[in-house]
PDB file of N, CA and C in Angstrom:
ATOM      1  N   MET A   1     -72.527 187.901 -12.966  1.00  0.00           N
ATOM      2  CA  MET A   1     -72.982 188.796 -13.945  1.00  0.00           C
ATOM      3  C   MET A   1     -72.149 188.806 -15.105  1.00  0.00           C
ATOM      4  N   LYS A   2     -72.765 188.738 -16.264  1.00  0.00           N
ATOM      5  CA  LYS A   2     -72.081 188.753 -17.525  1.00  0.00           C
ATOM      6  C   LYS A   2     -71.762 190.169 -17.965  1.00  0.00           C
ATOM      7  N   PRO A   3     -70.527 190.559 -18.074  1.00  0.00           N
ATOM      8  CA  PRO A   3     -70.161 191.959 -18.423  1.00  0.00           C
ATOM      9  C   PRO A   3     -70.442 192.217 -19.832  1.00  0.00           C
ATOM     10  N   SER A   4     -70.803 193.622 -19.899  1.00  0.00           N
ATOM     11  CA  SER A   4     -70.937 194.006 -21.366  1.00  0.00           C
ATOM     12  C   SER A   4     -69.580 194.778 -21.872  1.00  0.00           C
ATOM     13  N   ALA A   5     -68.705 195.120 -20.827  1.00  0.00           N
ATOM     14  CA  ALA A   5     -67.448 195.814 -21.163  1.00  0.00           C
ATOM     15  C   ALA A   5     -66.628 195.544 -20.023  1.00  0.00           C
ATOM     16  N   ILE A   6     -65.203 195.853 -20.169  1.00  0.00           N
ATOM     17  CA  ILE A   6     -64.279 195.643 -19.169  1.00  0.00           C
ATOM     18  C   ILE A   6     -64.155 197.023 -18.470  1.00  0.00           C
ATOM     19  N   ASP A   7     -64.342 196.985 -17.254  1.00  0.00           N
ATOM     20  CA  ASP A   7     -64.205 198.196 -16.316  1.00  0.00           C
ATOM     21  C   ASP A   7     -62.716 198.602 -16.346  1.00  0.00           C
ATOM     22  N   PRO A   8     -62.476 199.831 -16.939  1.00  0.00           N
ATOM     23  CA  PRO A   8     -60.982 200.224 -17.201  1.00  0.00           C
ATOM     24  C   PRO A   8     -60.237 200.387 -15.847  1.00  0.00           C
ATOM     25  N   ASP A   9     -60.898 200.492 -14.721  1.00  0.00           N
ATOM     26  CA  ASP A   9     -60.191 200.585 -13.516  1.00  0.00           C
ATOM     27  C   ASP A   9     -60.090 199.278 -12.740  1.00  0.00           C
ATOM     28  N   MET A  10     -60.592 198.161 -13.225  1.00  0.00           N
ATOM     29  CA  MET A  10     -60.526 196.843 -12.624  1.00  0.00           C
ATOM     30  C   MET A  10     -59.109 196.356 -12.872  1.00  0.00           C
ATOM     31  N   SER A  11     -58.539 195.791 -11.915  1.00  0.00           N
ATOM     32  CA  SER A  11     -57.222 195.150 -12.002  1.00  0.00           C
ATOM     33  C   SER A  11     -57.317 193.819 -12.778  1.00  0.00           C
ATOM     34  N   VAL A  12     -56.098 193.420 -13.424  1.00  0.00           N
ATOM     35  CA  VAL A  12     -56.088 192.126 -14.030  1.00  0.00           C
ATOM     36  C   VAL A  12     -56.253 191.091 -12.941  1.00  0.00           C
ATOM     37  N   ASP A  13     -55.748 191.290 -11.740  1.00  0.00           N
ATOM     38  CA  ASP A  13     -55.898 190.230 -10.645  1.00  0.00           C
ATOM     39  C   ASP A  13     -57.367 190.071 -10.303  1.00  0.00           C
ATOM     40  N   GLU A  14     -58.167 191.172 -10.161  1.00  0.00           N
ATOM     41  CA  GLU A  14     -59.630 191.024  -9.846  1.00  0.00           C
ATOM     42  C   GLU A  14     -60.349 190.362 -11.111  1.00  0.00           C
ATOM     43  N   ILE A  15     -59.982 190.656 -12.254  1.00  0.00           N
ATOM     44  CA  ILE A  15     -60.534 189.952 -13.452  1.00  0.00           C
ATOM     45  C   ILE A  15     -60.337 188.423 -13.343  1.00  0.00           C
ATOM     46  N   MET A  16     -59.154 188.065 -13.146  1.00  0.00           N
ATOM     47  CA  MET A  16     -58.764 186.612 -13.136  1.00  0.00           C
ATOM     48  C   MET A  16     -59.501 185.918 -11.995  1.00  0.00           C
ATOM     49  N   ARG A  17     -59.555 186.551 -10.751  1.00  0.00           N
ATOM     50  CA  ARG A  17     -60.268 186.028  -9.597  1.00  0.00           C
ATOM     51  C   ARG A  17     -61.822 185.859  -9.906  1.00  0.00           C
ATOM     52  N   ARG A  18     -62.364 186.948 -10.506  1.00  0.00           N
ATOM     53  CA  ARG A  18     -63.754 186.947 -10.628  1.00  0.00           C
ATOM     54  C   ARG A  18     -64.229 185.995 -11.813  1.00  0.00           C
ATOM     55  N   TRP A  19     -63.475 185.924 -12.895  1.00  0.00           N
ATOM     56  CA  TRP A  19     -63.638 185.185 -14.085  1.00  0.00           C
ATOM     57  C   TRP A  19     -62.487 184.280 -14.318  1.00  0.00           C
ATOM     58  N   PRO A  20     -62.377 183.156 -13.703  1.00  0.00           N
ATOM     59  CA  PRO A  20     -61.276 182.262 -13.942  1.00  0.00           C
ATOM     60  C   PRO A  20     -60.909 181.866 -15.363  1.00  0.00           C
ATOM     61  N   ALA A  21     -61.952 181.894 -16.159  1.00  0.00           N
ATOM     62  CA  ALA A  21     -61.683 181.538 -17.645  1.00  0.00           C
ATOM     63  C   ALA A  21     -60.713 182.572 -18.333  1.00  0.00           C
ATOM     64  N   THR A  22     -60.538 183.729 -17.804  1.00  0.00           N
ATOM     65  CA  THR A  22     -59.643 184.681 -18.266  1.00  0.00           C
ATOM     66  C   THR A  22     -58.108 184.332 -18.179  1.00  0.00           C
ATOM     67  N   ILE A  23     -57.936 183.337 -17.144  1.00  0.00           N
ATOM     68  CA  ILE A  23     -56.541 182.947 -16.977  1.00  0.00           C
ATOM     69  C   ILE A  23     -55.957 182.290 -18.185  1.00  0.00           C
ATOM     70  N   ARG A  24     -56.722 181.571 -18.968  1.00  0.00           N
ATOM     71  CA  ARG A  24     -56.209 180.856 -20.204  1.00  0.00           C
ATOM     72  C   ARG A  24     -55.816 182.012 -21.152  1.00  0.00           C
ATOM     73  N   VAL A  25     -56.483 183.058 -21.268  1.00  0.00           N
ATOM     74  CA  VAL A  25     -56.183 184.122 -22.066  1.00  0.00           C
ATOM     75  C   VAL A  25     -54.747 184.718 -21.790  1.00  0.00           C
ATOM     76  N   MET A  26     -54.507 184.869 -20.538  1.00  0.00           N
ATOM     77  CA  MET A  26     -53.210 185.326 -20.020  1.00  0.00           C
ATOM     78  C   MET A  26     -52.179 184.284 -20.399  1.00  0.00           C
ATOM     79  N   ILE A  27     -52.467 182.999 -20.212  1.00  0.00           N
ATOM     80  CA  ILE A  27     -51.461 181.779 -20.512  1.00  0.00           C
ATOM     81  C   ILE A  27     -51.167 181.875 -22.064  1.00  0.00           C
ATOM     82  N   ARG A  28     -52.225 182.075 -22.829  1.00  0.00           N
ATOM     83  CA  ARG A  28     -52.136 182.000 -24.246  1.00  0.00           C
ATOM     84  C   ARG A  28     -51.118 183.093 -24.818  1.00  0.00           C
ATOM     85  N   HIS A  29     -51.301 184.266 -24.136  1.00  0.00           N
ATOM     86  CA  HIS A  29     -50.326 185.401 -24.512  1.00  0.00           C
ATOM     87  C   HIS A  29     -48.951 185.308 -23.781  1.00  0.00           C
ATOM     88  N   ARG A  30     -48.677 184.187 -23.064  1.00  0.00           N
ATOM     89  CA  ARG A  30     -47.473 184.066 -22.256  1.00  0.00           C
ATOM     90  C   ARG A  30     -47.366 185.274 -21.286  1.00  0.00           C
ATOM     91  N   MET A  31     -48.368 185.666 -20.654  1.00  0.00           N
ATOM     92  CA  MET A  31     -48.271 186.854 -19.695  1.00  0.00           C
ATOM     93  C   MET A  31     -47.895 186.160 -18.296  1.00  0.00           C
ATOM     94  N   LEU A  32     -47.140 186.949 -17.603  1.00  0.00           N
ATOM     95  CA  LEU A  32     -46.797 186.520 -16.178  1.00  0.00           C
ATOM     96  C   LEU A  32     -47.773 187.095 -15.156  1.00  0.00           C
ATOM     97  N   CYS A  33     -48.876 187.563 -15.524  1.00  0.00           N
ATOM     98  CA  CYS A  33     -49.800 188.180 -14.619  1.00  0.00           C
ATOM     99  C   CYS A  33     -50.436 187.338 -13.568  1.00  0.00           C
ATOM    100  N   ILE A  34     -50.452 186.011 -13.762  1.00  0.00           N
ATOM    101  CA  ILE A  34     -51.060 185.032 -12.829  1.00  0.00           C
ATOM    102  C   ILE A  34     -50.030 184.884 -11.634  1.00  0.00           C
ATOM    103  N   GLY A  35     -50.504 185.403 -10.454  1.00  0.00           N
ATOM    104  CA  GLY A  35     -49.683 185.277  -9.354  1.00  0.00           C
ATOM    105  C   GLY A  35     -48.659 186.472  -9.167  1.00  0.00           C
ATOM    106  N   CYS A  36     -48.573 187.443 -10.072  1.00  0.00           N
ATOM    107  CA  CYS A  36     -47.782 188.462 -10.102  1.00  0.00           C
ATOM    108  C   CYS A  36     -48.230 189.464  -9.013  1.00  0.00           C
ATOM    109  N   PRO A  37     -47.245 189.989  -8.187  1.00  0.00           N
ATOM    110  CA  PRO A  37     -47.697 190.956  -7.082  1.00  0.00           C
ATOM    111  C   PRO A  37     -48.209 192.268  -7.724  1.00  0.00           C
ATOM    112  N   ILE A  38     -47.820 192.571  -8.961  1.00  0.00           N
ATOM    113  CA  ILE A  38     -48.139 193.887  -9.467  1.00  0.00           C
ATOM    114  C   ILE A  38     -49.707 193.736 -10.094  1.00  0.00           C
ATOM    115  N   GLY A  39     -50.081 192.506 -10.309  1.00  0.00           N
ATOM    116  CA  GLY A  39     -51.421 192.349 -10.816  1.00  0.00           C
ATOM    117  C   GLY A  39     -52.700 193.030 -10.163  1.00  0.00           C
ATOM    118  N   ILE A  40     -52.410 193.186  -8.923  1.00  0.00           N
ATOM    119  CA  ILE A  40     -53.413 193.977  -8.160  1.00  0.00           C
ATOM    120  C   ILE A  40     -53.535 195.408  -8.535  1.00  0.00           C
ATOM    121  N   PHE A  41     -52.393 195.813  -9.093  1.00  0.00           N
ATOM    122  CA  PHE A  41     -52.344 197.262  -9.506  1.00  0.00           C
ATOM    123  C   PHE A  41     -52.571 197.504 -10.982  1.00  0.00           C
ATOM    124  N   HIS A  42     -52.261 196.552 -11.871  1.00  0.00           N
ATOM    125  CA  HIS A  42     -52.266 196.632 -13.261  1.00  0.00           C
ATOM    126  C   HIS A  42     -53.683 196.571 -13.830  1.00  0.00           C
ATOM    127  N   THR A  43     -54.083 197.475 -14.653  1.00  0.00           N
ATOM    128  CA  THR A  43     -55.412 197.360 -15.394  1.00  0.00           C
ATOM    129  C   THR A  43     -55.021 196.574 -16.690  1.00  0.00           C
ATOM    130  N   VAL A  44     -55.958 196.324 -17.488  1.00  0.00           N
ATOM    131  CA  VAL A  44     -55.850 195.603 -18.702  1.00  0.00           C
ATOM    132  C   VAL A  44     -54.935 196.346 -19.580  1.00  0.00           C
ATOM    133  N   ALA A  45     -55.123 197.730 -19.637  1.00  0.00           N
ATOM    134  CA  ALA A  45     -54.215 198.607 -20.478  1.00  0.00           C
ATOM    135  C   ALA A  45     -52.828 198.518 -19.975  1.00  0.00           C
ATOM    136  N   ASP A  46     -52.559 198.500 -18.710  1.00  0.00           N
ATOM    137  CA  ASP A  46     -51.199 198.434 -18.110  1.00  0.00           C
ATOM    138  C   ASP A  46     -50.552 197.156 -18.635  1.00  0.00           C
ATOM    139  N   ALA A  47     -51.323 196.043 -18.350  1.00  0.00           N
ATOM    140  CA  ALA A  47     -50.863 194.721 -18.685  1.00  0.00           C
ATOM    141  C   ALA A  47     -50.442 194.510 -20.189  1.00  0.00           C
ATOM    142  N   ALA A  48     -51.368 195.068 -21.038  1.00  0.00           N
ATOM    143  CA  ALA A  48     -51.110 194.985 -22.460  1.00  0.00           C
ATOM    144  C   ALA A  48     -49.907 195.708 -22.847  1.00  0.00           C
ATOM    145  N   ALA A  49     -49.737 196.911 -22.320  1.00  0.00           N
ATOM    146  CA  ALA A  49     -48.575 197.791 -22.683  1.00  0.00           C
ATOM    147  C   ALA A  49     -47.363 197.151 -22.095  1.00  0.00           C
ATOM    148  N   ALA A  50     -47.365 196.494 -20.905  1.00  0.00           N
ATOM    149  CA  ALA A  50     -46.136 195.863 -20.317  1.00  0.00           C
ATOM    150  C   ALA A  50     -45.573 194.680 -21.117  1.00  0.00           C
ATOM    151  N   HIS A  51     -46.655 194.002 -21.809  1.00  0.00           N
ATOM    152  CA  HIS A  51     -46.359 192.798 -22.557  1.00  0.00           C
ATOM    153  C   HIS A  51     -46.400 193.039 -24.120  1.00  0.00           C
ATOM    154  N   ALA A  52     -46.488 194.262 -24.435  1.00  0.00           N
ATOM    155  CA  ALA A  52     -46.447 194.541 -25.893  1.00  0.00           C
ATOM    156  C   ALA A  52     -47.509 193.882 -26.653  1.00  0.00           C
ATOM    157  N   ILE A  53     -48.736 193.851 -26.082  1.00  0.00           N
ATOM    158  CA  ILE A  53     -49.833 193.211 -26.784  1.00  0.00           C
ATOM    159  C   ILE A  53     -50.899 194.206 -27.208  1.00  0.00           C
ATOM    160  N   ASP A  54     -51.532 194.056 -28.288  1.00  0.00           N
ATOM    161  CA  ASP A  54     -52.642 194.967 -28.696  1.00  0.00           C
ATOM    162  C   ASP A  54     -53.723 195.007 -27.729  1.00  0.00           C
ATOM    163  N   GLU A  55     -53.971 196.141 -27.185  1.00  0.00           N
ATOM    164  CA  GLU A  55     -54.888 196.259 -26.017  1.00  0.00           C
ATOM    165  C   GLU A  55     -56.250 195.871 -26.486  1.00  0.00           C
ATOM    166  N   ALA A  56     -56.771 196.356 -27.737  1.00  0.00           N
ATOM    167  CA  ALA A  56     -58.053 196.108 -28.098  1.00  0.00           C
ATOM    168  C   ALA A  56     -58.315 194.765 -28.390  1.00  0.00           C
ATOM    169  N   ALA A  57     -57.511 194.020 -29.036  1.00  0.00           N
ATOM    170  CA  ALA A  57     -57.524 192.535 -29.236  1.00  0.00           C
ATOM    171  C   ALA A  57     -57.621 191.777 -27.922  1.00  0.00           C
ATOM    172  N   PHE A  58     -56.621 192.204 -27.044  1.00  0.00           N
ATOM    173  CA  PHE A  58     -56.563 191.577 -25.789  1.00  0.00           C
ATOM    174  C   PHE A  58     -57.893 191.640 -24.919  1.00  0.00           C
ATOM    175  N   SER A  59     -58.482 192.867 -24.895  1.00  0.00           N
ATOM    176  CA  SER A  59     -59.590 193.250 -24.177  1.00  0.00           C
ATOM    177  C   SER A  59     -60.773 192.468 -24.719  1.00  0.00           C
ATOM    178  N   ALA A  60     -60.837 192.261 -26.099  1.00  0.00           N
ATOM    179  CA  ALA A  60     -61.935 191.468 -26.689  1.00  0.00           C
ATOM    180  C   ALA A  60     -61.753 189.997 -26.212  1.00  0.00           C
ATOM    181  N   GLU A  61     -60.538 189.470 -26.254  1.00  0.00           N
ATOM    182  CA  GLU A  61     -60.393 188.094 -25.821  1.00  0.00           C
ATOM    183  C   GLU A  61     -60.754 187.825 -24.294  1.00  0.00           C
ATOM    184  N   LEU A  62     -60.347 188.862 -23.534  1.00  0.00           N
ATOM    185  CA  LEU A  62     -60.736 188.761 -22.131  1.00  0.00           C
ATOM    186  C   LEU A  62     -62.303 188.806 -21.996  1.00  0.00           C
ATOM    187  N   LEU A  63     -62.941 189.780 -22.693  1.00  0.00           N
ATOM    188  CA  LEU A  63     -64.395 189.971 -22.474  1.00  0.00           C
ATOM    189  C   LEU A  63     -65.104 188.653 -23.029  1.00  0.00           C
ATOM    190  N   ALA A  64     -64.654 188.028 -23.932  1.00  0.00           N
ATOM    191  CA  ALA A  64     -65.236 186.780 -24.523  1.00  0.00           C
ATOM    192  C   ALA A  64     -65.164 185.689 -23.501  1.00  0.00           C
ATOM    193  N   ALA A  65     -63.864 185.562 -22.852  1.00  0.00           N
ATOM    194  CA  ALA A  65     -63.668 184.567 -21.813  1.00  0.00           C
ATOM    195  C   ALA A  65     -64.560 184.952 -20.560  1.00  0.00           C
ATOM    196  N   MET A  66     -64.693 186.191 -20.260  1.00  0.00           N
ATOM    197  CA  MET A  66     -65.601 186.554 -19.095  1.00  0.00           C
ATOM    198  C   MET A  66     -66.941 186.259 -19.324  1.00  0.00           C
ATOM    199  N   ARG A  67     -67.466 186.448 -20.578  1.00  0.00           N
ATOM    200  CA  ARG A  67     -68.836 186.129 -20.741  1.00  0.00           C
ATOM    201  C   ARG A  67     -69.257 184.636 -20.982  1.00  0.00           C
ATOM    202  N   SER A  68     -68.199 183.809 -21.239  1.00  0.00           N
ATOM    203  CA  SER A  68     -68.326 182.513 -21.328  1.00  0.00           C
ATOM    204  C   SER A  68     -68.155 181.617 -19.915  1.00  0.00           C
ATOM    205  N   ASP A  69     -67.598 182.417 -19.024  1.00  0.00           N
ATOM    206  CA  ASP A  69     -67.140 181.883 -17.752  1.00  0.00           C
ATOM    207  C   ASP A  69     -68.417 181.430 -16.847  1.00  0.00           C
ATOM    208  N   PRO A  70     -68.680 180.165 -16.575  1.00  0.00           N
ATOM    209  CA  PRO A  70     -69.802 179.758 -15.683  1.00  0.00           C
ATOM    210  C   PRO A  70     -70.012 180.551 -14.524  1.00  0.00           C
ATOM    211  N   SER A  71     -68.912 180.998 -13.903  1.00  0.00           N
ATOM    212  CA  SER A  71     -68.988 181.757 -12.627  1.00  0.00           C
ATOM    213  C   SER A  71     -69.423 183.263 -12.843  1.00  0.00           C
ATOM    214  N   ALA A  72     -69.598 183.665 -14.104  1.00  0.00           N
ATOM    215  CA  ALA A  72     -70.089 185.025 -14.509  1.00  0.00           C
ATOM    216  C   ALA A  72     -71.407 185.365 -13.882  1.00  0.00           C
ATOM    217  N   ALA A  73     -72.191 184.345 -13.687  1.00  0.00           N
ATOM    218  CA  ALA A  73     -73.552 184.638 -13.016  1.00  0.00           C
ATOM    219  C   ALA A  73     -73.550 185.027 -11.536  1.00  0.00           C
ATOM    220  N   ALA A  74     -72.428 184.537 -10.987  1.00  0.00           N
ATOM    221  CA  ALA A  74     -72.222 184.822  -9.484  1.00  0.00           C
ATOM    222  C   ALA A  74     -71.837 186.213  -9.276  1.00  0.00           C
ATOM    223  N   PRO A  75     -72.184 186.928  -8.181  1.00  0.00           N
ATOM    224  CA  PRO A  75     -71.739 188.215  -7.752  1.00  0.00           C
ATOM    225  C   PRO A  75     -70.299 188.150  -7.357  1.00  0.00           C
ATOM    226  N   SER A  76     -69.521 189.174  -7.542  1.00  0.00           N
ATOM    227  CA  SER A  76     -68.155 189.234  -7.135  1.00  0.00           C
ATOM    228  C   SER A  76     -68.094 189.179  -5.621  1.00  0.00           C
ATOM    229  N   ALA A  77     -66.868 188.894  -5.149  1.00  0.00           N
ATOM    230  CA  ALA A  77     -66.601 188.865  -3.735  1.00  0.00           C
ATOM    231  C   ALA A  77     -66.965 190.252  -3.222  1.00  0.00           C
ATOM    232  N   PHE A  78     -66.584 191.306  -3.923  1.00  0.00           N
ATOM    233  CA  PHE A  78     -66.711 192.753  -3.427  1.00  0.00           C
ATOM    234  C   PHE A  78     -68.358 193.013  -3.310  1.00  0.00           C
ATOM    235  N   GLU A  79     -69.109 192.485  -4.286  1.00  0.00           N
ATOM    236  CA  GLU A  79     -70.582 192.795  -4.204  1.00  0.00           C
ATOM    237  C   GLU A  79     -71.204 191.927  -3.016  1.00  0.00           C
ATOM    238  N   THR A  80     -70.686 190.761  -2.830  1.00  0.00           N
ATOM    239  CA  THR A  80     -71.252 189.914  -1.772  1.00  0.00           C
ATOM    240  C   THR A  80     -70.830 190.434  -0.402  1.00  0.00           C
ATOM    241  N   ASN A  81     -69.650 191.024  -0.221  1.00  0.00           N
ATOM    242  CA  ASN A  81     -69.271 191.577   1.080  1.00  0.00           C
ATOM    243  C   ASN A  81     -70.131 192.836   1.385  1.00  0.00           C
ATOM    244  N   ALA A  82     -70.210 193.697   0.341  1.00  0.00           N
ATOM    245  CA  ALA A  82     -71.101 194.921   0.456  1.00  0.00           C
ATOM    246  C   ALA A  82     -72.540 194.473   0.963  1.00  0.00           C
ATOM    247  N   HIS A  83     -73.135 193.457   0.228  1.00  0.00           N
ATOM    248  CA  HIS A  83     -74.399 193.077   0.551  1.00  0.00           C
ATOM    249  C   HIS A  83     -74.532 192.521   2.015  1.00  0.00           C
ATOM    250  N   ASN A  84     -73.494 191.627   2.460  1.00  0.00           N
ATOM    251  CA  ASN A  84     -73.505 191.160   3.726  1.00  0.00           C
ATOM    252  C   ASN A  84     -73.320 192.255   4.765  1.00  0.00           C
ATOM    253  N   ARG A  85     -72.540 193.303   4.614  1.00  0.00           N
ATOM    254  CA  ARG A  85     -72.462 194.356   5.514  1.00  0.00           C
ATOM    255  C   ARG A  85     -73.820 195.050   5.690  1.00  0.00           C
ATOM    256  N   GLU A  86     -74.478 195.290   4.619  1.00  0.00           N
ATOM    257  CA  GLU A  86     -75.849 195.940   4.660  1.00  0.00           C
ATOM    258  C   GLU A  86     -76.797 195.126   5.488  1.00  0.00           C
ATOM    259  N   ALA A  87     -76.825 193.805   5.150  1.00  0.00           N
ATOM    260  CA  ALA A  87     -77.693 192.857   5.910  1.00  0.00           C
ATOM    261  C   ALA A  87     -77.540 192.836   7.432  1.00  0.00           C
ATOM    262  N   ARG A  88     -76.129 192.978   7.756  1.00  0.00           N
ATOM    263  CA  ARG A  88     -75.758 192.855   9.262  1.00  0.00           C
ATOM    264  C   ARG A  88     -75.904 194.333  10.009  1.00  0.00           C
ATOM    265  N   LYS A  89     -76.399 195.262   9.418  1.00  0.00           N
ATOM    266  CA  LYS A  89     -76.468 196.623  10.154  1.00  0.00           C
ATOM    267  C   LYS A  89     -77.395 196.390  11.225  1.00  0.00           C
ATOM    268  N   GLY A  90     -77.083 196.966  12.421  1.00  0.00           N
ATOM    269  CA  GLY A  90     -77.826 196.805  13.489  1.00  0.00           C
ATOM    270  C   GLY A  90     -77.579 195.723  14.407  1.00  0.00           C
ATOM    271  N   GLU A  91     -76.842 194.737  13.919  1.00  0.00           N
ATOM    272  CA  GLU A  91     -76.537 193.568  14.595  1.00  0.00           C
ATOM    273  C   GLU A  91     -75.304 193.800  15.570  1.00  0.00           C
ATOM    274  N   PRO A  92     -75.247 193.221  16.681  1.00  0.00           N
ATOM    275  CA  PRO A  92     -74.187 193.411  17.603  1.00  0.00           C
ATOM    276  C   PRO A  92     -72.855 193.004  16.951  1.00  0.00           C
ATOM    277  N   SER A  93     -71.837 193.666  17.148  1.00  0.00           N
ATOM    278  CA  SER A  93     -70.494 193.290  16.646  1.00  0.00           C
ATOM    279  C   SER A  93     -69.779 192.444  17.507  1.00  0.00           C
ATOM    280  N   CYS A  94     -68.655 191.828  17.038  1.00  0.00           N
ATOM    281  CA  CYS A  94     -67.880 190.947  17.878  1.00  0.00           C
ATOM    282  C   CYS A  94     -66.905 191.697  18.805  1.00  0.00           C
ATOM    283  N   ALA A  95     -66.811 192.978  18.603  1.00  0.00           N
ATOM    284  CA  ALA A  95     -65.799 193.788  19.239  1.00  0.00           C
ATOM    285  C   ALA A  95     -66.205 194.021  20.699  1.00  0.00           C
TER     286      ALA A  95
END
């Protein structure tokens, strides 16, 4: 799904996993978010502040990368998992 805005609660780790084209933006800004264990907690605002980058310009670059990413049409892993759980309701479990 092509986003119209960045969810302020989404971590930079989730953004990079869901829209791999955003990794280039991180590299261009020489950010160390790729593979960083804090990335699962940092929002875009947190990462911009930690790296002294203008948040509005950084967010605009990320959003452009998110919209151009070919994987943007696919649902996120979180949406897919929720859908699969709903589809399996009533089926016997492995436990």
